[in-house]
Amino acid sequence: MTEIIDLLLALSQEIKDLKTRIDITRATRVERLKDTWIDNQDVMQMLHISQRTLQTLRTNGTIPFSRIRGKFYYKVSDIEKLLQDHYYNPNFKCDGNK
């Protein structure tokens, strides 16, 4: 009986260790992704917008971009910042109460 309990405890510890490694790997990937550059198609899919809307966002300076030989690129971190800056929660009140 004690062998089974010891085995279960060891298994439980291995699962915790694996979970920790997975979390670290996921966090590292997320950080790397923030420095990734994506093109028009990716941004349009991510934001569910048209090519014309994306052009307007570039023109009015809402979204930073880089242009190489007529092709536009955007940093994932800039897209995230745009979404964060325009985040709206209708349940949130200025006094901190919900």
Protein backbone atom coordinates (compact mmCIF):
# COMPACT_ATOMS: atom_id res chain seq x y z
CA MET A 1 0.00 0.00 0.00
CA THR A 2 2.82 2.44 0.83
CA GLU A 3 4.45 1.63 -2.51
CA ILE A 4 1.31 2.80 -4.31
CA ILE A 5 1.17 6.00 -2.27
CA ASP A 6 4.86 6.69 -2.94
CA LEU A 7 4.31 6.03 -6.64
CA LEU A 8 1.32 8.40 -6.72
CA LEU A 9 3.30 11.11 -4.92
CA ALA A 10 6.20 10.73 -7.34
CA LEU A 11 3.80 10.85 -10.29
CA SER A 12 2.13 13.94 -8.87
CA GLN A 13 5.51 15.66 -8.55
CA GLU A 14 6.44 14.76 -12.13
CA ILE A 15 3.16 16.24 -13.37
CA LYS A 16 3.86 19.47 -11.45
CA ASP A 17 7.37 19.63 -12.93
CA LEU A 18 6.03 19.11 -16.47
CA LYS A 19 3.40 21.79 -15.96
CA THR A 20 6.08 24.23 -14.80
CA ARG A 21 8.23 23.49 -17.85
CA ILE A 22 5.23 23.92 -20.17
CA ASP A 23 4.33 27.26 -18.55
CA ILE A 24 7.91 28.52 -18.94
CA THR A 25 8.01 27.40 -22.58
CA ARG A 26 4.66 29.07 -23.29
CA ALA A 27 5.79 32.33 -21.67
CA THR A 28 8.99 32.29 -23.70
CA ARG A 29 7.04 31.78 -26.94
CA VAL A 30 4.68 34.63 -26.09
CA GLU A 31 7.63 36.96 -25.47
CA ARG A 32 9.25 35.93 -28.75
CA LEU A 33 5.97 36.41 -30.60
CA LYS A 34 5.70 40.01 -29.36
CA ASP A 35 8.87 40.84 -31.32
CA THR A 36 7.55 39.11 -34.43
CA TRP A 37 6.59 41.05 -37.53
CA ILE A 38 3.40 40.15 -39.39
CA ASP A 39 1.97 41.30 -42.70
CA ASN A 40 -1.35 42.85 -43.82
CA GLN A 41 -3.18 39.53 -44.09
CA ASP A 42 -2.30 38.50 -40.56
CA VAL A 43 -3.35 41.87 -39.12
CA MET A 44 -6.63 41.88 -41.05
CA GLN A 45 -7.44 38.39 -39.81
CA MET A 46 -6.39 39.20 -36.25
CA LEU A 47 -8.52 42.36 -36.05
CA HIS A 48 -11.30 41.21 -38.42
CA ILE A 49 -10.95 44.30 -40.57
CA SER A 50 -10.78 45.03 -44.29
CA GLN A 51 -7.75 46.09 -46.27
CA ARG A 52 -9.22 49.60 -46.57
CA THR A 53 -9.69 49.87 -42.79
CA LEU A 54 -6.10 48.77 -42.24
CA GLN A 55 -4.95 51.41 -44.73
CA THR A 56 -6.92 54.04 -42.78
CA LEU A 57 -5.29 52.91 -39.51
CA ARG A 58 -1.87 53.34 -41.13
CA THR A 59 -2.72 56.69 -42.72
CA ASN A 60 -4.05 58.31 -39.54
CA GLY A 61 -1.14 56.97 -37.48
CA THR A 62 -3.22 54.62 -35.33
CA ILE A 63 -1.00 51.65 -36.10
CA PRO A 64 2.79 51.79 -36.59
CA PHE A 65 4.21 49.89 -39.54
CA SER A 66 7.27 49.23 -41.65
CA ARG A 67 7.21 49.20 -45.44
CA ILE A 68 9.64 47.24 -47.58
CA ARG A 69 9.20 47.27 -51.36
CA GLY A 70 5.52 48.07 -51.09
CA LYS A 71 4.75 45.39 -48.51
CA PHE A 72 3.65 46.44 -45.03
CA TYR A 73 4.74 44.79 -41.79
CA TYR A 74 3.52 45.30 -38.22
CA LYS A 75 4.88 44.27 -34.83
CA VAL A 76 2.61 41.96 -32.84
CA SER A 77 3.39 44.03 -29.74
CA ASP A 78 2.06 47.16 -31.49
CA ILE A 79 -1.18 45.38 -32.38
CA GLU A 80 -1.53 44.26 -28.75
CA LYS A 81 -0.90 47.82 -27.54
CA LEU A 82 -3.54 49.15 -29.94
CA LEU A 83 -6.08 46.67 -28.56
CA GLN A 84 -5.11 47.43 -24.94
CA ASP A 85 -5.34 51.20 -25.49
CA HIS A 86 -8.85 50.88 -26.91
CA TYR A 87 -10.09 48.30 -24.41
CA TYR A 88 -13.57 49.10 -23.14
CA ASN A 89 -15.40 47.31 -20.36
CA PRO A 90 -19.00 48.55 -20.01
CA ASN A 91 -19.25 47.04 -16.52
CA PHE A 92 -16.34 49.07 -15.18
CA LYS A 93 -17.16 52.33 -13.40
CA CYS A 94 -14.63 55.08 -12.69
CA ASP A 95 -15.15 54.87 -8.92
CA GLY A 96 -13.88 51.27 -8.95
CA ASN A 97 -17.25 49.71 -8.14
CA LYS A 98 -19.00 47.33 -10.45
